[in-house]
Amino acid sequence: MVNVIISGIMGRMGKTIAKLAHEDKDVNIVAGIESPDCVHFHDTVGEVIGVKELKAPITSDLSEVIELGDVIIDFANNTEAVLGHLRLIAADKNKKSMVIGTTGFNEKEIEEIKELASQVPIVIAPNMSIGVNLLFKLVKETAKVLKDKGFDIELIEMHHRHKKDAPSGTAVKLVDILKEETGISKVVYGREGHFEHGRPSDEIAVFALRGGDAVGEHTVIFAGLGERIELTHKASSRDIFAKGAVEASKWLKDKPPGLYDMMDVLGLKQH
């Protein structure tokens, strides 16, 4: 049994994670974290998800409940808040673990997360679905095979109108994979204007679409002369991300300090 604290409990993902975690016999929700502006709306996690018997308290201060949990699942819509929670966990004498699903960290914040991972077991992933992590693996293998074979690479992603970052964290991860496997370092975001000699071959292009209630779609296109390969993942429910976060919390308990991702959780990494 793993005792979890869910940060961002009143957000879309927080609610979904709480519902699925409550249904998992191996998970016990002990508290929820929310911003000071919202915390007064509900007193317990049970009130948020409509389960009266779930009395886990909600607070804006992780230090008040940190001793109750083994793993903190953090989908807070604020990167600095997530880092604050991570610093608190690193300073706590009874070391906890953390699952981070928040995206939009800048380079300095990522470096701090890497440093704190020497003290805290962390799973951080821009996308926690099984399918997307399989997409990462397939894109890696495809890029490796098609390197230097005349294929242009384009990436298209779409999310709901409320998403704060663009491109998505998943798209950024896909670009990192493509850059590593192809050696292409130039990335362009959208296109505009006149191109005298057409599309350059030494670039990866990324297009971020936003609108409606799209949960998340990602397509990587490898376009050659006379043929085209498209690898696509479409999410129709946030449950897939929430399930991944719950699985990550169970996997992470009692792991040594380190920076892990969903490829580790799902056993998709090649060693």
C-alpha atoms as a PDB file:
ATOM      1  CA  MET A   1       0.000   0.000   0.000  1.00  0.00           C
ATOM      2  CA  VAL A   2       1.342   3.424  -0.951  1.00  0.00           C
ATOM      3  CA  ASN A   3       0.112   6.581   0.788  1.00  0.00           C
ATOM      4  CA  VAL A   4      -0.216   9.430  -1.711  1.00  0.00           C
ATOM      5  CA  ILE A   5      -0.633  13.182  -1.474  1.00  0.00           C
ATOM      6  CA  ILE A   6      -2.089  14.751  -4.616  1.00  0.00           C
ATOM      7  CA  SER A   7      -1.070  18.309  -5.465  1.00  0.00           C
ATOM      8  CA  GLY A   8      -3.345  20.293  -7.757  1.00  0.00           C
ATOM      9  CA  ILE A   9      -6.253  18.288  -6.356  1.00  0.00           C
ATOM     10  CA  MET A  10      -8.981  20.591  -7.689  1.00  0.00           C
ATOM     11  CA  GLY A  11      -7.621  20.765 -11.232  1.00  0.00           C
ATOM     12  CA  ARG A  12      -8.716  18.555 -14.115  1.00  0.00           C
ATOM     13  CA  MET A  13      -5.869  16.099 -13.667  1.00  0.00           C
ATOM     14  CA  GLY A  14      -5.924  16.216  -9.882  1.00  0.00           C
ATOM     15  CA  LYS A  15      -9.563  15.173  -9.749  1.00  0.00           C
ATOM     16  CA  THR A  16      -9.047  12.389 -12.278  1.00  0.00           C
ATOM     17  CA  ILE A  17      -6.000  11.055 -10.437  1.00  0.00           C
ATOM     18  CA  ALA A  18      -7.898  11.116  -7.145  1.00  0.00           C
ATOM     19  CA  LYS A  19     -10.818   9.150  -8.595  1.00  0.00           C
ATOM     20  CA  LEU A  20      -8.583   6.445 -10.046  1.00  0.00           C
ATOM     21  CA  ALA A  21      -6.321   6.322  -6.988  1.00  0.00           C
ATOM     22  CA  HIS A  22      -9.349   5.870  -4.740  1.00  0.00           C
ATOM     23  CA  GLU A  23     -10.428   2.878  -6.845  1.00  0.00           C
ATOM     24  CA  ASP A  24      -6.969   1.247  -6.618  1.00  0.00           C
ATOM     25  CA  LYS A  25      -6.726  -1.163  -3.675  1.00  0.00           C
ATOM     26  CA  ASP A  26      -2.963  -0.575  -3.466  1.00  0.00           C
ATOM     27  CA  VAL A  27      -3.252   3.204  -3.071  1.00  0.00           C
ATOM     28  CA  ASN A  28      -4.373   5.255  -0.079  1.00  0.00           C
ATOM     29  CA  ILE A  29      -5.026   8.994  -0.547  1.00  0.00           C
ATOM     30  CA  VAL A  30      -3.946  10.793   2.625  1.00  0.00           C
ATOM     31  CA  ALA A  31      -4.136  14.480   1.591  1.00  0.00           C
ATOM     32  CA  GLY A  32      -4.647  16.959  -1.213  1.00  0.00           C
ATOM     33  CA  ILE A  33      -2.777  20.197  -1.952  1.00  0.00           C
ATOM     34  CA  GLU A  34      -4.253  23.238  -3.669  1.00  0.00           C
ATOM     35  CA  SER A  35      -3.371  26.908  -4.076  1.00  0.00           C
ATOM     36  CA  PRO A  36      -4.365  29.334  -1.277  1.00  0.00           C
ATOM     37  CA  ASP A  37      -6.893  30.958  -3.634  1.00  0.00           C
ATOM     38  CA  CYS A  38      -8.832  27.713  -4.078  1.00  0.00           C
ATOM     39  CA  VAL A  39      -8.242  25.691  -0.924  1.00  0.00           C
ATOM     40  CA  HIS A  40     -11.293  27.099   0.882  1.00  0.00           C
ATOM     41  CA  PHE A  41     -13.726  25.574  -1.642  1.00  0.00           C
ATOM     42  CA  HIS A  42     -13.394  22.044  -0.199  1.00  0.00           C
ATOM     43  CA  ASP A  43     -12.187  20.618   3.100  1.00  0.00           C
ATOM     44  CA  THR A  44     -11.494  17.046   1.977  1.00  0.00           C
ATOM     45  CA  VAL A  45     -10.465  15.132  -1.137  1.00  0.00           C
ATOM     46  CA  GLY A  46     -13.714  13.185  -0.795  1.00  0.00           C
ATOM     47  CA  GLU A  47     -15.716  16.375  -1.329  1.00  0.00           C
ATOM     48  CA  VAL A  48     -13.791  17.057  -4.556  1.00  0.00           C
ATOM     49  CA  ILE A  49     -14.537  13.640  -6.097  1.00  0.00           C
ATOM     50  CA  GLY A  50     -17.905  12.952  -4.444  1.00  0.00           C
ATOM     51  CA  VAL A  51     -16.796  10.212  -2.055  1.00  0.00           C
ATOM     52  CA  LYS A  52     -18.074  11.108   1.421  1.00  0.00           C
ATOM     53  CA  GLU A  53     -16.073   8.471   3.281  1.00  0.00           C
ATOM     54  CA  LEU A  54     -12.745   9.801   1.952  1.00  0.00           C
ATOM     55  CA  LYS A  55     -11.703  12.257   4.658  1.00  0.00           C
ATOM     56  CA  ALA A  56      -8.201  13.124   3.412  1.00  0.00           C
ATOM     57  CA  PRO A  57      -7.693  16.828   4.228  1.00  0.00           C
ATOM     58  CA  ILE A  58      -6.922  19.568   1.713  1.00  0.00           C
ATOM     59  CA  THR A  59      -4.356  22.247   2.519  1.00  0.00           C
ATOM     60  CA  SER A  60      -2.235  24.815   0.683  1.00  0.00           C
ATOM     61  CA  ASP A  61       0.813  23.937   2.782  1.00  0.00           C
ATOM     62  CA  LEU A  62       2.501  20.608   2.036  1.00  0.00           C
ATOM     63  CA  SER A  63       4.506  20.814   5.280  1.00  0.00           C
ATOM     64  CA  GLU A  64       1.273  20.331   7.240  1.00  0.00           C
ATOM     65  CA  VAL A  65       0.643  16.869   5.767  1.00  0.00           C
ATOM     66  CA  ILE A  66       3.999  15.691   4.386  1.00  0.00           C
ATOM     67  CA  GLU A  67       4.499  13.133   7.162  1.00  0.00           C
ATOM     68  CA  LEU A  68       1.283  11.345   6.096  1.00  0.00           C
ATOM     69  CA  GLY A  69       2.482  10.400   2.612  1.00  0.00           C
ATOM     70  CA  ASP A  70       5.000   8.161   0.896  1.00  0.00           C
ATOM     71  CA  VAL A  71       4.681   9.739  -2.550  1.00  0.00           C
ATOM     72  CA  ILE A  72       3.532  13.200  -3.673  1.00  0.00           C
ATOM     73  CA  ILE A  73       1.850  13.270  -7.088  1.00  0.00           C
ATOM     74  CA  ASP A  74       2.189  16.814  -8.422  1.00  0.00           C
ATOM     75  CA  PHE A  75       0.206  18.184 -11.355  1.00  0.00           C
ATOM     76  CA  ALA A  76       0.037  21.729  -9.954  1.00  0.00           C
ATOM     77  CA  ASN A  77      -0.316  24.309 -12.726  1.00  0.00           C
ATOM     78  CA  ASN A  78       2.670  26.260 -11.414  1.00  0.00           C
ATOM     79  CA  THR A  79       6.268  25.177 -11.900  1.00  0.00           C
ATOM     80  CA  GLU A  80       7.579  27.227  -8.962  1.00  0.00           C
ATOM     81  CA  ALA A  81       5.011  25.625  -6.644  1.00  0.00           C
ATOM     82  CA  VAL A  82       6.152  22.179  -7.780  1.00  0.00           C
ATOM     83  CA  LEU A  83       9.786  23.091  -7.118  1.00  0.00           C
ATOM     84  CA  GLY A  84       8.811  24.382  -3.681  1.00  0.00           C
ATOM     85  CA  HIS A  85       7.245  21.020  -2.896  1.00  0.00           C
ATOM     86  CA  LEU A  86      10.313  19.193  -4.186  1.00  0.00           C
ATOM     87  CA  ARG A  87      12.661  21.326  -2.052  1.00  0.00           C
ATOM     88  CA  LEU A  88      10.534  20.584   1.001  1.00  0.00           C
ATOM     89  CA  ILE A  89      10.650  16.844   0.298  1.00  0.00           C
ATOM     90  CA  ALA A  90      14.441  16.961  -0.153  1.00  0.00           C
ATOM     91  CA  ALA A  91      14.808  18.741   3.199  1.00  0.00           C
ATOM     92  CA  ASP A  92      12.498  16.330   5.049  1.00  0.00           C
ATOM     93  CA  LYS A  93      14.319  13.830   7.289  1.00  0.00           C
ATOM     94  CA  ASN A  94      11.897  11.048   6.313  1.00  0.00           C
ATOM     95  CA  LYS A  95      12.598  11.060   2.589  1.00  0.00           C
ATOM     96  CA  LYS A  96       9.531  10.943   0.370  1.00  0.00           C
ATOM     97  CA  SER A  97       9.186  10.361  -3.362  1.00  0.00           C
ATOM     98  CA  MET A  98       7.615  12.552  -6.031  1.00  0.00           C
ATOM     99  CA  VAL A  99       5.779  12.027  -9.300  1.00  0.00           C
ATOM    100  CA  ILE A 100       5.808  15.187 -11.441  1.00  0.00           C
ATOM    101  CA  GLY A 101       3.390  15.575 -14.337  1.00  0.00           C
ATOM    102  CA  THR A 102       3.543  19.372 -14.532  1.00  0.00           C
ATOM    103  CA  THR A 103       5.077  20.726 -17.757  1.00  0.00           C
ATOM    104  CA  GLY A 104       6.567  24.058 -18.805  1.00  0.00           C
ATOM    105  CA  PHE A 105       9.738  24.023 -16.662  1.00  0.00           C
ATOM    106  CA  ASN A 106      12.524  26.275 -17.917  1.00  0.00           C
ATOM    107  CA  GLU A 107      16.145  25.111 -18.224  1.00  0.00           C
ATOM    108  CA  LYS A 108      17.144  26.480 -14.817  1.00  0.00           C
ATOM    109  CA  GLU A 109      14.243  24.695 -13.134  1.00  0.00           C
ATOM    110  CA  ILE A 110      15.076  21.423 -14.911  1.00  0.00           C
ATOM    111  CA  GLU A 111      18.654  21.681 -13.662  1.00  0.00           C
ATOM    112  CA  GLU A 112      17.423  22.132 -10.092  1.00  0.00           C
ATOM    113  CA  ILE A 113      15.161  19.084 -10.435  1.00  0.00           C
ATOM    114  CA  LYS A 114      18.154  17.058 -11.622  1.00  0.00           C
ATOM    115  CA  GLU A 115      20.203  18.232  -8.628  1.00  0.00           C
ATOM    116  CA  LEU A 116      17.436  17.390  -6.130  1.00  0.00           C
ATOM    117  CA  ALA A 117      17.084  13.939  -7.698  1.00  0.00           C
ATOM    118  CA  SER A 118      20.348  13.038  -5.947  1.00  0.00           C
ATOM    119  CA  GLN A 119      18.355  13.223  -2.700  1.00  0.00           C
ATOM    120  CA  VAL A 120      14.820  12.293  -3.777  1.00  0.00           C
ATOM    121  CA  PRO A 121      13.397   9.532  -6.010  1.00  0.00           C
ATOM    122  CA  ILE A 122      11.557  11.411  -8.771  1.00  0.00           C
ATOM    123  CA  VAL A 123       9.490  10.275 -11.727  1.00  0.00           C
ATOM    124  CA  ILE A 124       9.067  13.188 -14.127  1.00  0.00           C
ATOM    125  CA  ALA A 125       7.349  12.783 -17.463  1.00  0.00           C
ATOM    126  CA  PRO A 126       5.629  15.225 -19.827  1.00  0.00           C
ATOM    127  CA  ASN A 127       3.095  12.507 -20.579  1.00  0.00           C
ATOM    128  CA  MET A 128       2.306   9.483 -18.429  1.00  0.00           C
ATOM    129  CA  SER A 129       0.180   7.430 -20.787  1.00  0.00           C
ATOM    130  CA  ILE A 130       1.363   3.994 -21.881  1.00  0.00           C
ATOM    131  CA  GLY A 131       0.622   4.814 -25.517  1.00  0.00           C
ATOM    132  CA  VAL A 132       2.616   8.046 -25.606  1.00  0.00           C
ATOM    133  CA  ASN A 133       5.632   6.416 -24.013  1.00  0.00           C
ATOM    134  CA  LEU A 134       5.424   3.698 -26.631  1.00  0.00           C
ATOM    135  CA  LEU A 135       5.282   6.521 -29.206  1.00  0.00           C
ATOM    136  CA  PHE A 136       8.547   7.870 -27.766  1.00  0.00           C
ATOM    137  CA  LYS A 137      10.150   4.478 -28.331  1.00  0.00           C
ATOM    138  CA  LEU A 138       8.748   4.091 -31.874  1.00  0.00           C
ATOM    139  CA  VAL A 139       9.846   7.607 -32.866  1.00  0.00           C
ATOM    140  CA  LYS A 140      13.325   6.892 -31.538  1.00  0.00           C
ATOM    141  CA  GLU A 141      13.628   3.682 -33.549  1.00  0.00           C
ATOM    142  CA  THR A 142      12.147   5.217 -36.712  1.00  0.00           C
ATOM    143  CA  ALA A 143      14.437   8.247 -36.570  1.00  0.00           C
ATOM    144  CA  LYS A 144      17.427   5.970 -36.096  1.00  0.00           C
ATOM    145  CA  VAL A 145      16.548   3.899 -39.178  1.00  0.00           C
ATOM    146  CA  LEU A 146      15.715   6.895 -41.407  1.00  0.00           C
ATOM    147  CA  LYS A 147      18.664   9.072 -40.437  1.00  0.00           C
ATOM    148  CA  ASP A 148      20.442  10.493 -43.510  1.00  0.00           C
ATOM    149  CA  LYS A 149      17.949   8.819 -45.867  1.00  0.00           C
ATOM    150  CA  GLY A 150      16.283  11.996 -47.146  1.00  0.00           C
ATOM    151  CA  PHE A 151      13.248  12.140 -44.889  1.00  0.00           C
ATOM    152  CA  ASP A 152      11.936  15.516 -43.682  1.00  0.00           C
ATOM    153  CA  ILE A 153      10.580  15.581 -40.107  1.00  0.00           C
ATOM    154  CA  GLU A 154       7.497  17.530 -39.065  1.00  0.00           C
ATOM    155  CA  LEU A 155       5.686  17.408 -35.717  1.00  0.00           C
ATOM    156  CA  ILE A 156       2.092  18.494 -35.126  1.00  0.00           C
ATOM    157  CA  GLU A 157       0.392  18.624 -31.733  1.00  0.00           C
ATOM    158  CA  MET A 158      -3.034  19.808 -30.580  1.00  0.00           C
ATOM    159  CA  HIS A 159      -4.451  20.491 -27.125  1.00  0.00           C
ATOM    160  CA  HIS A 160      -7.431  22.222 -25.534  1.00  0.00           C
ATOM    161  CA  ARG A 161      -7.742  25.998 -25.487  1.00  0.00           C
ATOM    162  CA  HIS A 162      -6.824  26.248 -21.773  1.00  0.00           C
ATOM    163  CA  LYS A 163      -3.340  24.718 -22.058  1.00  0.00           C
ATOM    164  CA  LYS A 164      -0.746  27.229 -20.889  1.00  0.00           C
ATOM    165  CA  ASP A 165       2.434  26.023 -22.604  1.00  0.00           C
ATOM    166  CA  ALA A 166       3.200  25.576 -26.302  1.00  0.00           C
ATOM    167  CA  PRO A 167       4.570  23.402 -27.656  1.00  0.00           C
ATOM    168  CA  SER A 168       3.430  20.748 -25.217  1.00  0.00           C
ATOM    169  CA  GLY A 169       5.852  18.973 -22.912  1.00  0.00           C
ATOM    170  CA  THR A 170       5.246  15.803 -24.911  1.00  0.00           C
ATOM    171  CA  ALA A 171       6.166  17.585 -28.143  1.00  0.00           C
ATOM    172  CA  VAL A 172       9.335  18.934 -26.531  1.00  0.00           C
ATOM    173  CA  LYS A 173      10.277  15.399 -25.467  1.00  0.00           C
ATOM    174  CA  LEU A 174       9.642  14.116 -29.006  1.00  0.00           C
ATOM    175  CA  VAL A 175      11.840  16.869 -30.430  1.00  0.00           C
ATOM    176  CA  ASP A 176      14.621  15.971 -27.986  1.00  0.00           C
ATOM    177  CA  ILE A 177      14.427  12.342 -29.147  1.00  0.00           C
ATOM    178  CA  LEU A 178      14.505  13.374 -32.806  1.00  0.00           C
ATOM    179  CA  LYS A 179      17.479  15.702 -32.293  1.00  0.00           C
ATOM    180  CA  GLU A 180      19.412  13.018 -30.457  1.00  0.00           C
ATOM    181  CA  GLU A 181      18.799  10.324 -33.072  1.00  0.00           C
ATOM    182  CA  THR A 182      19.195  12.428 -36.224  1.00  0.00           C
ATOM    183  CA  GLY A 183      21.852  14.926 -35.207  1.00  0.00           C
ATOM    184  CA  ILE A 184      19.619  17.763 -36.449  1.00  0.00           C
ATOM    185  CA  SER A 185      19.863  20.706 -34.057  1.00  0.00           C
ATOM    186  CA  LYS A 186      17.719  23.326 -35.809  1.00  0.00           C
ATOM    187  CA  VAL A 187      14.062  23.448 -34.712  1.00  0.00           C
ATOM    188  CA  VAL A 188      11.508  25.862 -36.200  1.00  0.00           C
ATOM    189  CA  TYR A 189       8.112  26.612 -34.717  1.00  0.00           C
ATOM    190  CA  GLY A 190       5.550  27.249 -37.435  1.00  0.00           C
ATOM    191  CA  ARG A 191       6.355  28.773 -40.811  1.00  0.00           C
ATOM    192  CA  GLU A 192       5.709  32.069 -42.473  1.00  0.00           C
ATOM    193  CA  GLY A 193       7.056  33.900 -45.496  1.00  0.00           C
ATOM    194  CA  HIS A 194       8.767  33.001 -48.737  1.00  0.00           C
ATOM    195  CA  PHE A 195      11.371  30.237 -48.999  1.00  0.00           C
ATOM    196  CA  GLU A 196      13.608  30.702 -52.018  1.00  0.00           C
ATOM    197  CA  HIS A 197      14.891  27.133 -52.043  1.00  0.00           C
ATOM    198  CA  GLY A 198      11.990  25.347 -50.372  1.00  0.00           C
ATOM    199  CA  ARG A 199      12.130  23.468 -47.115  1.00  0.00           C
ATOM    200  CA  PRO A 200      15.637  23.102 -45.632  1.00  0.00           C
ATOM    201  CA  SER A 201      16.547  19.482 -44.957  1.00  0.00           C
ATOM    202  CA  ASP A 202      18.436  20.233 -41.744  1.00  0.00           C
ATOM    203  CA  GLU A 203      15.495  21.253 -39.568  1.00  0.00           C
ATOM    204  CA  ILE A 204      12.649  19.805 -37.527  1.00  0.00           C
ATOM    205  CA  ALA A 205       9.414  21.772 -37.697  1.00  0.00           C
ATOM    206  CA  VAL A 206       6.897  21.930 -34.838  1.00  0.00           C
ATOM    207  CA  PHE A 207       3.297  23.148 -35.062  1.00  0.00           C
ATOM    208  CA  ALA A 208       1.215  23.678 -31.899  1.00  0.00           C
ATOM    209  CA  LEU A 209      -2.562  23.843 -32.361  1.00  0.00           C
ATOM    210  CA  ARG A 210      -4.904  24.976 -29.579  1.00  0.00           C
ATOM    211  CA  GLY A 211      -8.684  24.802 -29.514  1.00  0.00           C
ATOM    212  CA  GLY A 212     -11.825  23.367 -27.991  1.00  0.00           C
ATOM    213  CA  ASP A 213     -11.487  20.507 -25.544  1.00  0.00           C
ATOM    214  CA  ALA A 214      -8.846  18.394 -27.315  1.00  0.00           C
ATOM    215  CA  VAL A 215      -7.186  16.261 -24.651  1.00  0.00           C
ATOM    216  CA  GLY A 216      -3.972  15.763 -26.605  1.00  0.00           C
ATOM    217  CA  GLU A 217      -2.843  14.657 -30.063  1.00  0.00           C
ATOM    218  CA  HIS A 218       0.704  14.218 -31.346  1.00  0.00           C
ATOM    219  CA  THR A 219       1.840  13.244 -34.835  1.00  0.00           C
ATOM    220  CA  VAL A 220       5.430  12.861 -36.025  1.00  0.00           C
ATOM    221  CA  ILE A 221       5.731  12.836 -39.817  1.00  0.00           C
ATOM    222  CA  PHE A 222       8.723  11.400 -41.668  1.00  0.00           C
ATOM    223  CA  ALA A 223       8.224  12.579 -45.261  1.00  0.00           C
ATOM    224  CA  GLY A 224      10.379  11.139 -48.009  1.00  0.00           C
ATOM    225  CA  LEU A 225      10.170  11.155 -51.796  1.00  0.00           C
ATOM    226  CA  GLY A 226       7.320   8.871 -52.785  1.00  0.00           C
ATOM    227  CA  GLU A 227       6.458   7.747 -49.250  1.00  0.00           C
ATOM    228  CA  ARG A 228       5.548   9.087 -45.841  1.00  0.00           C
ATOM    229  CA  ILE A 229       5.469   7.565 -42.358  1.00  0.00           C
ATOM    230  CA  GLU A 230       3.185   9.074 -39.711  1.00  0.00           C
ATOM    231  CA  LEU A 231       3.285   8.036 -36.064  1.00  0.00           C
ATOM    232  CA  THR A 232       0.252   9.363 -34.172  1.00  0.00           C
ATOM    233  CA  HIS A 233      -1.115   9.164 -30.671  1.00  0.00           C
ATOM    234  CA  LYS A 234      -4.567  10.585 -29.846  1.00  0.00           C
ATOM    235  CA  ALA A 235      -5.855  10.858 -26.304  1.00  0.00           C
ATOM    236  CA  SER A 236      -9.626  10.945 -25.811  1.00  0.00           C
ATOM    237  CA  SER A 237      -9.610  10.854 -21.998  1.00  0.00           C
ATOM    238  CA  ARG A 238      -7.409  12.231 -19.221  1.00  0.00           C
ATOM    239  CA  ASP A 239      -7.782   8.872 -17.509  1.00  0.00           C
ATOM    240  CA  ILE A 240      -4.782   7.549 -19.457  1.00  0.00           C
ATOM    241  CA  PHE A 241      -2.494  10.164 -17.893  1.00  0.00           C
ATOM    242  CA  ALA A 242      -3.984   9.679 -14.439  1.00  0.00           C
ATOM    243  CA  LYS A 243      -3.551   5.902 -14.629  1.00  0.00           C
ATOM    244  CA  GLY A 244       0.093   6.398 -15.483  1.00  0.00           C
ATOM    245  CA  ALA A 245       0.591   8.744 -12.533  1.00  0.00           C
ATOM    246  CA  VAL A 246      -0.982   6.229 -10.135  1.00  0.00           C
ATOM    247  CA  GLU A 247       1.169   3.411 -11.533  1.00  0.00           C
ATOM    248  CA  ALA A 248       4.255   5.615 -11.209  1.00  0.00           C
ATOM    249  CA  SER A 249       3.467   6.318  -7.547  1.00  0.00           C
ATOM    250  CA  LYS A 250       3.239   2.585  -6.795  1.00  0.00           C
ATOM    251  CA  TRP A 251       6.436   1.832  -8.717  1.00  0.00           C
ATOM    252  CA  LEU A 252       8.373   4.683  -7.096  1.00  0.00           C
ATOM    253  CA  LYS A 253       7.791   3.744  -3.464  1.00  0.00           C
ATOM    254  CA  ASP A 254      11.054   2.581  -1.824  1.00  0.00           C
ATOM    255  CA  LYS A 255      13.129   3.329  -4.951  1.00  0.00           C
ATOM    256  CA  PRO A 256      16.571   4.908  -4.355  1.00  0.00           C
ATOM    257  CA  PRO A 257      17.094   8.617  -5.133  1.00  0.00           C
ATOM    258  CA  GLY A 258      17.325   9.312  -8.834  1.00  0.00           C
ATOM    259  CA  LEU A 259      15.580  10.845 -11.818  1.00  0.00           C
ATOM    260  CA  TYR A 260      13.246   8.363 -13.501  1.00  0.00           C
ATOM    261  CA  ASP A 261      10.657   8.616 -16.274  1.00  0.00           C
ATOM    262  CA  MET A 262       7.707   6.591 -17.496  1.00  0.00           C
ATOM    263  CA  MET A 263       9.962   4.512 -19.711  1.00  0.00           C
ATOM    264  CA  ASP A 264      11.483   3.210 -16.461  1.00  0.00           C
ATOM    265  CA  VAL A 265       8.059   2.671 -14.886  1.00  0.00           C
ATOM    266  CA  LEU A 266       6.742   0.773 -17.902  1.00  0.00           C
ATOM    267  CA  GLY A 267       9.938  -1.210 -18.551  1.00  0.00           C
ATOM    268  CA  LEU A 268      10.362   0.262 -22.052  1.00  0.00           C
ATOM    269  CA  LYS A 269      13.993   1.295 -21.690  1.00  0.00           C
ATOM    270  CA  GLN A 270      16.748  -0.681 -23.335  1.00  0.00           C
ATOM    271  CA  HIS A 271      19.569  -1.436 -20.924  1.00  0.00           C
END
